[in-house]
Amino acid sequence: MKGIRQLAEHLNISIGTVSRALNGKPDVNQETRRRVLAAAEELGYVANQSGRSLRQGETKVIGLMIESSKETVENADNFFLGVTSGLQSVFARHKLDLIMLPCPSDEDPHEYLKRMVARRIVDAMIISDTQRVDRRIDFLSRAKIPFVALGRSLSASNFPWIDLDFEGVADHAVERLIALGHRRIAITAPSSEANLGYLFIDSYRRALERHDIAFDSSLVIRVRSSEEGGYQAAHELLLLEERPTAVILIYELMAIGLYRRLMESGVMPGRDLAVIGFRDAPRARFLQPSLSCFRISLYDLGAALGRMLLANMPIYREFYPGDGGNIIWPLELMAGESDAFRVGVMA
């Protein structure tokens, strides 16, 4: 079945009547609608969504833009899988579809986004991996395209976002380690301009200052957010003349590489170096000693993103009257064995 014209000819009914029947218009009698729907199913008719989108001025599609690279594929966990599950739970109520828009790492995200918008394949956007200054946010704001960001940025004065509580994680981790007697605490940060790195380091610095501990830039290890980055971070820490007694990781899978490099050098996590990870990632759950890290419901996060986006779209706003405000998403510490020792106390 090629299209609506062939379906109409098969039924010997006008194209207009067939179209109204397929779209559930009330001026079509029940018997005609039944015949049209039955024939459409029998003959395999599928509506031309691109044509319908042009006529109605909407696609019923939401785009989720993520970074795509060899590194992100090799170090993939279920972060976006969990988030998209929550998003779909909200979008399904309104028969909205979600598509992933993977931006290659060697392409400017701003130019990629402009191309996707020019093609009019989505009605609204969710962007992630926000940068300190992110031109995508300025572009979407000027173009008046509904969007929500998973992450904060200095760009634009007012835009909808949900961000993880990076400041809270850094602050809580530093306080926990200081209570265990640590004074020389290292931290990892992204090697990119991702805004979360700035938030993480600023909170770490403030927490140290509250306890009169001087900020030491040599203890800020900038590496890729990956298992390989964790391996490199451990290597750099081992090279320091005065090694730290603890390290806080910005990315969950870093712990796998970090453990490997430490053990290669005879340094035992949880005994010789306290380690606090970021998120409770499935691939890191079987590390020994068990990793102290933070718990988050990705499903709930995704659902909140979906509600916030629809709250900022006029056609759906009435369904989500209280979901338009920005949110810093909390994380809960899960104490493991990787930071359980006290400085100066033998295990």
C-alpha atoms as a PDB file:
ATOM      1  CA  MET A   1       0.000   0.000   0.000  1.00  0.00           C
ATOM      2  CA  LYS A   2       1.620   3.222  -1.197  1.00  0.00           C
ATOM      3  CA  GLY A   3      -0.650   5.850   0.281  1.00  0.00           C
ATOM      4  CA  ILE A   4      -4.041   7.258   1.083  1.00  0.00           C
ATOM      5  CA  ARG A   5      -5.025   7.614  -2.589  1.00  0.00           C
ATOM      6  CA  GLN A   6      -4.699   3.866  -3.171  1.00  0.00           C
ATOM      7  CA  LEU A   7      -6.636   3.153   0.028  1.00  0.00           C
ATOM      8  CA  ALA A   8      -9.453   5.454  -1.085  1.00  0.00           C
ATOM      9  CA  GLU A   9      -9.564   3.813  -4.522  1.00  0.00           C
ATOM     10  CA  HIS A  10      -9.682   0.365  -2.947  1.00  0.00           C
ATOM     11  CA  LEU A  11     -12.674   1.385  -0.817  1.00  0.00           C
ATOM     12  CA  ASN A  12     -14.269   3.543  -3.526  1.00  0.00           C
ATOM     13  CA  ILE A  13     -14.487   6.387  -1.007  1.00  0.00           C
ATOM     14  CA  SER A  14     -13.184   9.935  -1.373  1.00  0.00           C
ATOM     15  CA  ILE A  15      -9.689  10.721  -0.083  1.00  0.00           C
ATOM     16  CA  GLY A  16     -11.154  13.348   2.266  1.00  0.00           C
ATOM     17  CA  THR A  17     -13.493  10.828   3.884  1.00  0.00           C
ATOM     18  CA  VAL A  18     -10.700   8.305   4.312  1.00  0.00           C
ATOM     19  CA  SER A  19      -8.454  10.955   5.856  1.00  0.00           C
ATOM     20  CA  ARG A  20     -11.137  12.058   8.317  1.00  0.00           C
ATOM     21  CA  ALA A  21     -11.880   8.449   9.265  1.00  0.00           C
ATOM     22  CA  LEU A  22      -8.218   7.709   9.920  1.00  0.00           C
ATOM     23  CA  ASN A  23      -7.912  10.841  12.060  1.00  0.00           C
ATOM     24  CA  GLY A  24     -11.034  10.055  14.115  1.00  0.00           C
ATOM     25  CA  LYS A  25     -13.096  13.033  12.940  1.00  0.00           C
ATOM     26  CA  PRO A  26     -16.648  13.025  14.365  1.00  0.00           C
ATOM     27  CA  ASP A  27     -18.357  13.714  10.993  1.00  0.00           C
ATOM     28  CA  VAL A  28     -17.597  10.186   9.734  1.00  0.00           C
ATOM     29  CA  ASN A  29     -20.169   7.501  10.596  1.00  0.00           C
ATOM     30  CA  GLN A  30     -19.065   4.463  12.570  1.00  0.00           C
ATOM     31  CA  GLU A  31     -19.536   1.939   9.749  1.00  0.00           C
ATOM     32  CA  THR A  32     -17.395   3.951   7.331  1.00  0.00           C
ATOM     33  CA  ARG A  33     -14.707   4.426   9.954  1.00  0.00           C
ATOM     34  CA  ARG A  34     -14.738   0.682  10.679  1.00  0.00           C
ATOM     35  CA  ARG A  35     -14.341  -0.141   6.971  1.00  0.00           C
ATOM     36  CA  VAL A  36     -11.496   2.337   6.532  1.00  0.00           C
ATOM     37  CA  LEU A  37      -9.561   1.142   9.584  1.00  0.00           C
ATOM     38  CA  ALA A  38     -10.041  -2.522   8.679  1.00  0.00           C
ATOM     39  CA  ALA A  39      -8.854  -1.950   5.103  1.00  0.00           C
ATOM     40  CA  ALA A  40      -5.887   0.108   6.274  1.00  0.00           C
ATOM     41  CA  GLU A  41      -4.762  -2.720   8.557  1.00  0.00           C
ATOM     42  CA  GLU A  42      -5.375  -5.410   5.933  1.00  0.00           C
ATOM     43  CA  LEU A  43      -3.479  -3.557   3.207  1.00  0.00           C
ATOM     44  CA  GLY A  44      -0.655  -2.313   5.431  1.00  0.00           C
ATOM     45  CA  TYR A  45      -1.381   1.382   5.016  1.00  0.00           C
ATOM     46  CA  VAL A  46       0.895   3.676   7.051  1.00  0.00           C
ATOM     47  CA  ALA A  47       0.213   7.407   7.242  1.00  0.00           C
ATOM     48  CA  ASN A  48       2.748   9.752   5.661  1.00  0.00           C
ATOM     49  CA  GLN A  49       3.919  11.416   8.853  1.00  0.00           C
ATOM     50  CA  SER A  50       6.146  13.944   7.097  1.00  0.00           C
ATOM     51  CA  GLY A  51       3.214  15.258   5.099  1.00  0.00           C
ATOM     52  CA  ARG A  52       0.998  15.348   8.155  1.00  0.00           C
ATOM     53  CA  SER A  53       3.709  17.170  10.094  1.00  0.00           C
ATOM     54  CA  LEU A  54       3.956  19.835   7.408  1.00  0.00           C
ATOM     55  CA  ARG A  55       0.199  20.359   7.432  1.00  0.00           C
ATOM     56  CA  GLN A  56      -0.164  20.413  11.213  1.00  0.00           C
ATOM     57  CA  GLY A  57       3.081  22.245  11.955  1.00  0.00           C
ATOM     58  CA  GLU A  58       4.319  19.627  14.433  1.00  0.00           C
ATOM     59  CA  THR A  59       6.169  16.309  14.356  1.00  0.00           C
ATOM     60  CA  LYS A  60       5.152  14.817  17.737  1.00  0.00           C
ATOM     61  CA  VAL A  61       8.843  14.011  18.174  1.00  0.00           C
ATOM     62  CA  ILE A  62      11.227  15.120  20.944  1.00  0.00           C
ATOM     63  CA  GLY A  63      14.989  15.044  20.354  1.00  0.00           C
ATOM     64  CA  LEU A  64      17.572  14.073  22.986  1.00  0.00           C
ATOM     65  CA  MET A  65      21.034  15.302  21.974  1.00  0.00           C
ATOM     66  CA  ILE A  66      23.974  13.396  23.419  1.00  0.00           C
ATOM     67  CA  GLU A  67      27.690  13.225  22.719  1.00  0.00           C
ATOM     68  CA  SER A  68      28.806  10.302  20.553  1.00  0.00           C
ATOM     69  CA  SER A  69      32.420   9.156  20.462  1.00  0.00           C
ATOM     70  CA  LYS A  70      34.514   6.003  20.630  1.00  0.00           C
ATOM     71  CA  GLU A  71      35.123   6.767  24.291  1.00  0.00           C
ATOM     72  CA  THR A  72      31.459   7.159  25.212  1.00  0.00           C
ATOM     73  CA  VAL A  73      30.562   3.917  23.424  1.00  0.00           C
ATOM     74  CA  GLU A  74      33.351   1.909  25.061  1.00  0.00           C
ATOM     75  CA  ASN A  75      32.547   3.352  28.488  1.00  0.00           C
ATOM     76  CA  ALA A  76      28.796   3.338  28.126  1.00  0.00           C
ATOM     77  CA  ASP A  77      26.728   2.454  31.153  1.00  0.00           C
ATOM     78  CA  ASN A  78      22.985   2.675  31.570  1.00  0.00           C
ATOM     79  CA  PHE A  79      22.802   6.399  32.408  1.00  0.00           C
ATOM     80  CA  PHE A  80      20.900   7.532  29.321  1.00  0.00           C
ATOM     81  CA  LEU A  81      19.008   4.235  29.120  1.00  0.00           C
ATOM     82  CA  GLY A  82      17.605   4.948  32.577  1.00  0.00           C
ATOM     83  CA  VAL A  83      16.900   8.587  31.746  1.00  0.00           C
ATOM     84  CA  THR A  84      15.128   7.765  28.477  1.00  0.00           C
ATOM     85  CA  SER A  85      12.935   5.240  30.256  1.00  0.00           C
ATOM     86  CA  GLY A  86      11.683   8.008  32.528  1.00  0.00           C
ATOM     87  CA  LEU A  87      11.270  10.409  29.600  1.00  0.00           C
ATOM     88  CA  GLN A  88       9.200   7.891  27.666  1.00  0.00           C
ATOM     89  CA  SER A  89       6.907   7.345  30.642  1.00  0.00           C
ATOM     90  CA  VAL A  90       5.871  10.999  30.355  1.00  0.00           C
ATOM     91  CA  PHE A  91       5.888  11.398  26.571  1.00  0.00           C
ATOM     92  CA  ALA A  92       3.819   8.243  26.032  1.00  0.00           C
ATOM     93  CA  ARG A  93       0.853   9.918  27.759  1.00  0.00           C
ATOM     94  CA  HIS A  94       0.705  12.376  24.855  1.00  0.00           C
ATOM     95  CA  LYS A  95       1.737   9.976  22.059  1.00  0.00           C
ATOM     96  CA  LEU A  96       5.062  11.760  21.676  1.00  0.00           C
ATOM     97  CA  ASP A  97       8.082   9.903  20.361  1.00  0.00           C
ATOM     98  CA  LEU A  98      11.663  10.324  21.576  1.00  0.00           C
ATOM     99  CA  ILE A  99      14.661  10.089  19.257  1.00  0.00           C
ATOM    100  CA  MET A 100      18.342  10.123  20.176  1.00  0.00           C
ATOM    101  CA  LEU A 101      20.496  12.644  18.333  1.00  0.00           C
ATOM    102  CA  PRO A 102      24.133  11.553  18.801  1.00  0.00           C
ATOM    103  CA  CYS A 103      26.522  14.389  18.000  1.00  0.00           C
ATOM    104  CA  PRO A 104      29.937  13.118  16.810  1.00  0.00           C
ATOM    105  CA  SER A 105      32.755  14.209  19.092  1.00  0.00           C
ATOM    106  CA  ASP A 106      34.635  15.777  16.169  1.00  0.00           C
ATOM    107  CA  GLU A 107      31.716  18.042  15.235  1.00  0.00           C
ATOM    108  CA  ASP A 108      30.794  21.355  16.822  1.00  0.00           C
ATOM    109  CA  PRO A 109      27.660  20.616  18.930  1.00  0.00           C
ATOM    110  CA  HIS A 110      26.277  24.057  18.058  1.00  0.00           C
ATOM    111  CA  GLU A 111      26.506  23.406  14.306  1.00  0.00           C
ATOM    112  CA  TYR A 112      25.059  19.910  14.729  1.00  0.00           C
ATOM    113  CA  LEU A 113      22.087  21.290  16.647  1.00  0.00           C
ATOM    114  CA  LYS A 114      21.485  23.997  14.047  1.00  0.00           C
ATOM    115  CA  ARG A 115      21.348  21.335  11.348  1.00  0.00           C
ATOM    116  CA  MET A 116      18.852  19.212  13.283  1.00  0.00           C
ATOM    117  CA  VAL A 117      16.637  22.236  13.901  1.00  0.00           C
ATOM    118  CA  ALA A 118      16.808  23.291  10.239  1.00  0.00           C
ATOM    119  CA  ARG A 119      15.535  19.855   9.214  1.00  0.00           C
ATOM    120  CA  ARG A 120      12.469  20.285  11.442  1.00  0.00           C
ATOM    121  CA  ILE A 121      12.562  16.700  12.631  1.00  0.00           C
ATOM    122  CA  VAL A 122      11.618  17.522  16.245  1.00  0.00           C
ATOM    123  CA  ASP A 123       9.212  19.808  18.072  1.00  0.00           C
ATOM    124  CA  ALA A 124      11.455  20.291  21.097  1.00  0.00           C
ATOM    125  CA  MET A 125      14.929  19.431  22.366  1.00  0.00           C
ATOM    126  CA  ILE A 126      16.660  18.042  25.423  1.00  0.00           C
ATOM    127  CA  ILE A 127      20.356  18.844  25.461  1.00  0.00           C
ATOM    128  CA  SER A 128      23.000  17.310  27.701  1.00  0.00           C
ATOM    129  CA  ASP A 129      26.712  17.728  28.464  1.00  0.00           C
ATOM    130  CA  THR A 130      26.274  21.471  28.935  1.00  0.00           C
ATOM    131  CA  GLN A 131      29.419  23.570  28.670  1.00  0.00           C
ATOM    132  CA  ARG A 132      30.547  26.508  30.785  1.00  0.00           C
ATOM    133  CA  VAL A 133      29.508  28.750  27.880  1.00  0.00           C
ATOM    134  CA  ASP A 134      27.141  26.818  25.653  1.00  0.00           C
ATOM    135  CA  ARG A 135      26.093  28.372  22.349  1.00  0.00           C
ATOM    136  CA  ARG A 136      23.339  25.781  21.932  1.00  0.00           C
ATOM    137  CA  ILE A 137      21.412  27.361  24.782  1.00  0.00           C
ATOM    138  CA  ASP A 138      21.659  30.845  23.287  1.00  0.00           C
ATOM    139  CA  PHE A 139      20.602  29.503  19.879  1.00  0.00           C
ATOM    140  CA  LEU A 140      17.543  27.630  21.161  1.00  0.00           C
ATOM    141  CA  SER A 141      16.510  30.590  23.315  1.00  0.00           C
ATOM    142  CA  ARG A 142      16.725  33.034  20.393  1.00  0.00           C
ATOM    143  CA  ALA A 143      14.939  30.628  18.046  1.00  0.00           C
ATOM    144  CA  LYS A 144      12.161  30.156  20.645  1.00  0.00           C
ATOM    145  CA  ILE A 145      12.377  26.394  20.324  1.00  0.00           C
ATOM    146  CA  PRO A 146      11.116  24.591  23.444  1.00  0.00           C
ATOM    147  CA  PHE A 147      13.981  22.870  25.223  1.00  0.00           C
ATOM    148  CA  VAL A 148      15.308  21.758  28.568  1.00  0.00           C
ATOM    149  CA  ALA A 149      18.945  21.234  29.503  1.00  0.00           C
ATOM    150  CA  LEU A 150      20.355  18.405  31.561  1.00  0.00           C
ATOM    151  CA  GLY A 151      22.951  20.640  33.167  1.00  0.00           C
ATOM    152  CA  ARG A 152      23.582  24.278  33.999  1.00  0.00           C
ATOM    153  CA  SER A 153      25.586  26.861  32.053  1.00  0.00           C
ATOM    154  CA  LEU A 154      26.564  30.521  32.188  1.00  0.00           C
ATOM    155  CA  SER A 155      24.851  31.009  28.822  1.00  0.00           C
ATOM    156  CA  ALA A 156      21.486  32.798  28.662  1.00  0.00           C
ATOM    157  CA  SER A 157      19.969  34.422  31.695  1.00  0.00           C
ATOM    158  CA  ASN A 158      16.931  32.209  32.036  1.00  0.00           C
ATOM    159  CA  PHE A 159      16.372  28.745  30.614  1.00  0.00           C
ATOM    160  CA  PRO A 160      14.863  25.507  31.945  1.00  0.00           C
ATOM    161  CA  TRP A 161      17.315  22.991  33.388  1.00  0.00           C
ATOM    162  CA  ILE A 162      17.751  20.093  35.759  1.00  0.00           C
ATOM    163  CA  ASP A 163      21.248  19.380  37.025  1.00  0.00           C
ATOM    164  CA  LEU A 164      22.761  16.839  39.358  1.00  0.00           C
ATOM    165  CA  ASP A 165      23.907  18.192  42.698  1.00  0.00           C
ATOM    166  CA  PHE A 166      27.628  18.200  41.906  1.00  0.00           C
ATOM    167  CA  GLU A 167      28.260  20.757  44.629  1.00  0.00           C
ATOM    168  CA  GLY A 168      26.494  18.604  47.201  1.00  0.00           C
ATOM    169  CA  VAL A 169      28.455  15.509  46.212  1.00  0.00           C
ATOM    170  CA  ALA A 170      31.818  17.293  46.453  1.00  0.00           C
ATOM    171  CA  ASP A 171      30.893  18.953  49.750  1.00  0.00           C
ATOM    172  CA  HIS A 172      29.578  15.753  51.324  1.00  0.00           C
ATOM    173  CA  ALA A 173      32.597  13.749  50.169  1.00  0.00           C
ATOM    174  CA  VAL A 174      35.102  16.284  51.536  1.00  0.00           C
ATOM    175  CA  GLU A 175      33.291  16.499  54.876  1.00  0.00           C
ATOM    176  CA  ARG A 176      33.197  12.700  55.153  1.00  0.00           C
ATOM    177  CA  LEU A 177      36.899  12.360  54.422  1.00  0.00           C
ATOM    178  CA  ILE A 178      37.947  15.159  56.790  1.00  0.00           C
ATOM    179  CA  ALA A 179      35.921  13.496  59.547  1.00  0.00           C
ATOM    180  CA  LEU A 180      38.060  10.387  58.932  1.00  0.00           C
ATOM    181  CA  GLY A 181      41.231  12.404  59.415  1.00  0.00           C
ATOM    182  CA  HIS A 182      42.156  13.169  55.804  1.00  0.00           C
ATOM    183  CA  ARG A 183      43.754  16.513  55.030  1.00  0.00           C
ATOM    184  CA  ARG A 184      45.363  15.873  51.664  1.00  0.00           C
ATOM    185  CA  ILE A 185      42.401  15.104  49.417  1.00  0.00           C
ATOM    186  CA  ALA A 186      42.621  14.892  45.623  1.00  0.00           C
ATOM    187  CA  ILE A 187      39.798  15.310  43.141  1.00  0.00           C
ATOM    188  CA  THR A 188      39.290  14.434  39.485  1.00  0.00           C
ATOM    189  CA  ALA A 189      37.683  16.781  36.975  1.00  0.00           C
ATOM    190  CA  PRO A 190      36.800  16.561  33.271  1.00  0.00           C
ATOM    191  CA  SER A 191      39.468  17.622  30.779  1.00  0.00           C
ATOM    192  CA  SER A 192      36.725  19.399  28.809  1.00  0.00           C
ATOM    193  CA  GLU A 193      34.848  22.669  29.397  1.00  0.00           C
ATOM    194  CA  ALA A 194      31.864  20.826  30.842  1.00  0.00           C
ATOM    195  CA  ASN A 195      30.202  23.089  33.398  1.00  0.00           C
ATOM    196  CA  LEU A 196      29.869  20.300  35.935  1.00  0.00           C
ATOM    197  CA  GLY A 197      33.651  20.275  36.381  1.00  0.00           C
ATOM    198  CA  TYR A 198      33.667  23.910  37.472  1.00  0.00           C
ATOM    199  CA  LEU A 199      30.815  23.295  39.921  1.00  0.00           C
ATOM    200  CA  PHE A 200      32.573  20.253  41.360  1.00  0.00           C
ATOM    201  CA  ILE A 201      35.921  21.974  41.890  1.00  0.00           C
ATOM    202  CA  ASP A 202      34.413  25.192  43.312  1.00  0.00           C
ATOM    203  CA  SER A 203      32.455  23.229  45.914  1.00  0.00           C
ATOM    204  CA  TYR A 204      35.539  21.138  46.757  1.00  0.00           C
ATOM    205  CA  ARG A 205      37.566  24.315  47.263  1.00  0.00           C
ATOM    206  CA  ARG A 206      34.928  25.893  49.533  1.00  0.00           C
ATOM    207  CA  ALA A 207      34.672  22.735  51.650  1.00  0.00           C
ATOM    208  CA  LEU A 208      38.438  22.686  52.172  1.00  0.00           C
ATOM    209  CA  GLU A 209      38.483  26.368  53.102  1.00  0.00           C
ATOM    210  CA  ARG A 210      35.874  25.807  55.823  1.00  0.00           C
ATOM    211  CA  HIS A 211      38.414  23.552  57.513  1.00  0.00           C
ATOM    212  CA  ASP A 212      41.395  25.841  56.889  1.00  0.00           C
ATOM    213  CA  ILE A 213      42.895  23.450  54.348  1.00  0.00           C
ATOM    214  CA  ALA A 214      44.725  25.229  51.543  1.00  0.00           C
ATOM    215  CA  PHE A 215      43.624  24.490  47.993  1.00  0.00           C
ATOM    216  CA  ASP A 216      46.407  22.697  46.104  1.00  0.00           C
ATOM    217  CA  SER A 217      45.985  22.746  42.315  1.00  0.00           C
ATOM    218  CA  SER A 218      48.298  19.732  41.968  1.00  0.00           C
ATOM    219  CA  LEU A 219      45.571  17.653  43.617  1.00  0.00           C
ATOM    220  CA  VAL A 220      43.060  18.520  40.874  1.00  0.00           C
ATOM    221  CA  ILE A 221      43.580  15.828  38.250  1.00  0.00           C
ATOM    222  CA  ARG A 222      41.988  16.649  34.889  1.00  0.00           C
ATOM    223  CA  VAL A 223      41.414  13.533  32.807  1.00  0.00           C
ATOM    224  CA  ARG A 224      38.841  12.031  30.467  1.00  0.00           C
ATOM    225  CA  SER A 225      35.644  10.828  32.100  1.00  0.00           C
ATOM    226  CA  SER A 226      36.242   7.141  31.459  1.00  0.00           C
ATOM    227  CA  GLU A 227      37.865   4.006  32.847  1.00  0.00           C
ATOM    228  CA  GLU A 228      41.043   5.041  31.027  1.00  0.00           C
ATOM    229  CA  GLY A 229      40.769   8.451  32.679  1.00  0.00           C
ATOM    230  CA  GLY A 230      40.631   6.766  36.078  1.00  0.00           C
ATOM    231  CA  TYR A 231      43.764   4.777  35.237  1.00  0.00           C
ATOM    232  CA  GLN A 232      45.541   7.969  34.187  1.00  0.00           C
ATOM    233  CA  ALA A 233      44.365   9.795  37.326  1.00  0.00           C
ATOM    234  CA  ALA A 234      45.814   7.072  39.549  1.00  0.00           C
ATOM    235  CA  HIS A 235      49.081   7.191  37.610  1.00  0.00           C
ATOM    236  CA  GLU A 236      49.363  10.955  38.121  1.00  0.00           C
ATOM    237  CA  LEU A 237      48.565  10.664  41.831  1.00  0.00           C
ATOM    238  CA  LEU A 238      51.263   8.026  42.248  1.00  0.00           C
ATOM    239  CA  LEU A 239      53.818  10.395  40.703  1.00  0.00           C
ATOM    240  CA  LEU A 240      53.190  13.142  43.267  1.00  0.00           C
ATOM    241  CA  GLU A 241      56.041  13.666  45.723  1.00  0.00           C
ATOM    242  CA  GLU A 242      53.534  13.983  48.545  1.00  0.00           C
ATOM    243  CA  ARG A 243      50.692  11.647  47.741  1.00  0.00           C
ATOM    244  CA  PRO A 244      47.122  12.334  48.869  1.00  0.00           C
ATOM    245  CA  THR A 245      45.421   9.990  51.300  1.00  0.00           C
ATOM    246  CA  ALA A 246      42.059  10.245  49.535  1.00  0.00           C
ATOM    247  CA  VAL A 247      40.556  10.968  46.122  1.00  0.00           C
ATOM    248  CA  ILE A 248      37.057  11.972  44.982  1.00  0.00           C
ATOM    249  CA  LEU A 249      36.000  10.913  41.470  1.00  0.00           C
ATOM    250  CA  ILE A 250      33.791  12.985  39.154  1.00  0.00           C
ATOM    251  CA  TYR A 251      32.721  10.032  37.017  1.00  0.00           C
ATOM    252  CA  GLU A 252      31.537   6.641  38.220  1.00  0.00           C
ATOM    253  CA  LEU A 253      33.482   4.366  35.854  1.00  0.00           C
ATOM    254  CA  MET A 254      36.778   6.074  36.671  1.00  0.00           C
ATOM    255  CA  ALA A 255      36.940   3.851  39.737  1.00  0.00           C
ATOM    256  CA  ILE A 256      37.548   0.742  37.603  1.00  0.00           C
ATOM    257  CA  GLY A 257      40.677   2.155  35.959  1.00  0.00           C
ATOM    258  CA  LEU A 258      41.816   3.803  39.187  1.00  0.00           C
ATOM    259  CA  TYR A 259      41.642   0.527  41.136  1.00  0.00           C
ATOM    260  CA  ARG A 260      43.597  -1.251  38.414  1.00  0.00           C
ATOM    261  CA  ARG A 261      46.503   1.238  38.365  1.00  0.00           C
ATOM    262  CA  LEU A 262      46.690   1.467  42.155  1.00  0.00           C
ATOM    263  CA  MET A 263      46.849  -2.304  42.551  1.00  0.00           C
ATOM    264  CA  GLU A 264      49.529  -2.553  39.877  1.00  0.00           C
ATOM    265  CA  SER A 265      51.665  -0.381  42.171  1.00  0.00           C
ATOM    266  CA  GLY A 266      50.808  -2.263  45.339  1.00  0.00           C
ATOM    267  CA  VAL A 267      48.554   0.517  46.617  1.00  0.00           C
ATOM    268  CA  MET A 268      45.308  -0.853  48.022  1.00  0.00           C
ATOM    269  CA  PRO A 269      42.107   1.209  47.659  1.00  0.00           C
ATOM    270  CA  GLY A 270      40.363   1.487  50.998  1.00  0.00           C
ATOM    271  CA  ARG A 271      43.591   0.826  52.894  1.00  0.00           C
ATOM    272  CA  ASP A 272      46.317   3.031  51.414  1.00  0.00           C
ATOM    273  CA  LEU A 273      44.063   5.473  49.573  1.00  0.00           C
ATOM    274  CA  ALA A 274      40.463   6.336  50.356  1.00  0.00           C
ATOM    275  CA  VAL A 275      38.255   6.503  47.274  1.00  0.00           C
ATOM    276  CA  ILE A 276      34.790   8.035  46.880  1.00  0.00           C
ATOM    277  CA  GLY A 277      33.073   7.563  43.519  1.00  0.00           C
ATOM    278  CA  PHE A 278      30.313   9.576  41.964  1.00  0.00           C
ATOM    279  CA  ARG A 279      27.285   7.532  40.888  1.00  0.00           C
ATOM    280  CA  ASP A 280      26.342   3.956  41.700  1.00  0.00           C
ATOM    281  CA  ALA A 281      27.075   2.500  38.238  1.00  0.00           C
ATOM    282  CA  PRO A 282      26.284  -1.184  37.594  1.00  0.00           C
ATOM    283  CA  ARG A 283      29.749  -1.916  36.195  1.00  0.00           C
ATOM    284  CA  ALA A 284      31.410  -0.610  39.357  1.00  0.00           C
ATOM    285  CA  ARG A 285      29.250  -2.494  41.837  1.00  0.00           C
ATOM    286  CA  PHE A 286      31.512  -5.530  42.013  1.00  0.00           C
ATOM    287  CA  LEU A 287      34.712  -3.678  42.822  1.00  0.00           C
ATOM    288  CA  GLN A 288      36.551  -4.818  45.925  1.00  0.00           C
ATOM    289  CA  PRO A 289      36.678  -3.094  48.290  1.00  0.00           C
ATOM    290  CA  SER A 290      33.136  -1.928  47.613  1.00  0.00           C
ATOM    291  CA  LEU A 291      32.991   1.655  46.370  1.00  0.00           C
ATOM    292  CA  SER A 292      31.517   4.457  48.447  1.00  0.00           C
ATOM    293  CA  CYS A 293      29.432   6.459  45.977  1.00  0.00           C
ATOM    294  CA  PHE A 294      26.114   8.224  45.494  1.00  0.00           C
ATOM    295  CA  ARG A 295      22.718   6.837  44.498  1.00  0.00           C
ATOM    296  CA  ILE A 296      20.299   8.429  42.040  1.00  0.00           C
ATOM    297  CA  SER A 297      17.071   7.277  40.374  1.00  0.00           C
ATOM    298  CA  LEU A 298      17.675   7.791  36.654  1.00  0.00           C
ATOM    299  CA  TYR A 299      14.058   6.918  35.894  1.00  0.00           C
ATOM    300  CA  ASP A 300      12.780   9.665  38.187  1.00  0.00           C
ATOM    301  CA  LEU A 301      15.317  12.100  36.749  1.00  0.00           C
ATOM    302  CA  GLY A 302      14.137  11.340  33.210  1.00  0.00           C
ATOM    303  CA  ALA A 303      10.481  11.693  34.176  1.00  0.00           C
ATOM    304  CA  ALA A 304      11.198  15.082  35.770  1.00  0.00           C
ATOM    305  CA  LEU A 305      13.015  16.212  32.605  1.00  0.00           C
ATOM    306  CA  GLY A 306      10.033  15.158  30.514  1.00  0.00           C
ATOM    307  CA  ARG A 307       7.547  17.001  32.700  1.00  0.00           C
ATOM    308  CA  MET A 308       9.700  20.128  32.734  1.00  0.00           C
ATOM    309  CA  LEU A 309       9.986  20.141  28.959  1.00  0.00           C
ATOM    310  CA  LEU A 310       6.235  19.752  28.447  1.00  0.00           C
ATOM    311  CA  ALA A 311       5.571  22.413  31.087  1.00  0.00           C
ATOM    312  CA  ASN A 312       7.492  24.791  28.821  1.00  0.00           C
ATOM    313  CA  MET A 313       5.496  23.853  25.696  1.00  0.00           C
ATOM    314  CA  PRO A 314       2.229  25.835  25.441  1.00  0.00           C
ATOM    315  CA  ILE A 315       0.191  22.901  24.119  1.00  0.00           C
ATOM    316  CA  TYR A 316       1.031  20.718  27.156  1.00  0.00           C
ATOM    317  CA  ARG A 317       1.579  23.347  29.858  1.00  0.00           C
ATOM    318  CA  GLU A 318      -1.839  22.878  31.469  1.00  0.00           C
ATOM    319  CA  PHE A 319      -0.996  19.251  32.311  1.00  0.00           C
ATOM    320  CA  TYR A 320       2.161  20.190  34.256  1.00  0.00           C
ATOM    321  CA  PRO A 321       1.435  23.429  36.127  1.00  0.00           C
ATOM    322  CA  GLY A 322       4.039  22.859  38.840  1.00  0.00           C
ATOM    323  CA  ASP A 323       6.893  21.402  36.804  1.00  0.00           C
ATOM    324  CA  GLY A 324       8.436  24.442  35.134  1.00  0.00           C
ATOM    325  CA  GLY A 325      11.007  25.424  37.770  1.00  0.00           C
ATOM    326  CA  ASN A 326      14.691  24.536  37.641  1.00  0.00           C
ATOM    327  CA  ILE A 327      15.903  21.670  39.851  1.00  0.00           C
ATOM    328  CA  ILE A 328      19.188  20.664  41.453  1.00  0.00           C
ATOM    329  CA  TRP A 329      18.782  16.890  41.677  1.00  0.00           C
ATOM    330  CA  PRO A 330      19.959  15.374  44.991  1.00  0.00           C
ATOM    331  CA  LEU A 331      22.110  12.254  45.335  1.00  0.00           C
ATOM    332  CA  GLU A 332      22.290   9.971  48.365  1.00  0.00           C
ATOM    333  CA  LEU A 333      25.566   8.589  49.713  1.00  0.00           C
ATOM    334  CA  MET A 334      25.979   4.809  49.731  1.00  0.00           C
ATOM    335  CA  ALA A 335      28.810   4.048  52.139  1.00  0.00           C
ATOM    336  CA  GLY A 336      31.145   1.280  51.005  1.00  0.00           C
ATOM    337  CA  GLU A 337      34.528   0.004  52.126  1.00  0.00           C
ATOM    338  CA  SER A 338      36.695   2.120  49.817  1.00  0.00           C
ATOM    339  CA  ASP A 339      36.958   5.007  52.305  1.00  0.00           C
ATOM    340  CA  ALA A 340      36.297   3.202  55.583  1.00  0.00           C
ATOM    341  CA  PHE A 341      39.698   3.633  57.212  1.00  0.00           C
ATOM    342  CA  ARG A 342      40.838   6.471  59.439  1.00  0.00           C
ATOM    343  CA  VAL A 343      44.110   8.207  58.677  1.00  0.00           C
ATOM    344  CA  GLY A 344      46.833   6.936  61.022  1.00  0.00           C
ATOM    345  CA  VAL A 345      44.767   3.916  62.118  1.00  0.00           C
ATOM    346  CA  MET A 346      45.912   0.551  60.809  1.00  0.00           C
ATOM    347  CA  ALA A 347      43.287  -1.763  59.283  1.00  0.00           C
END
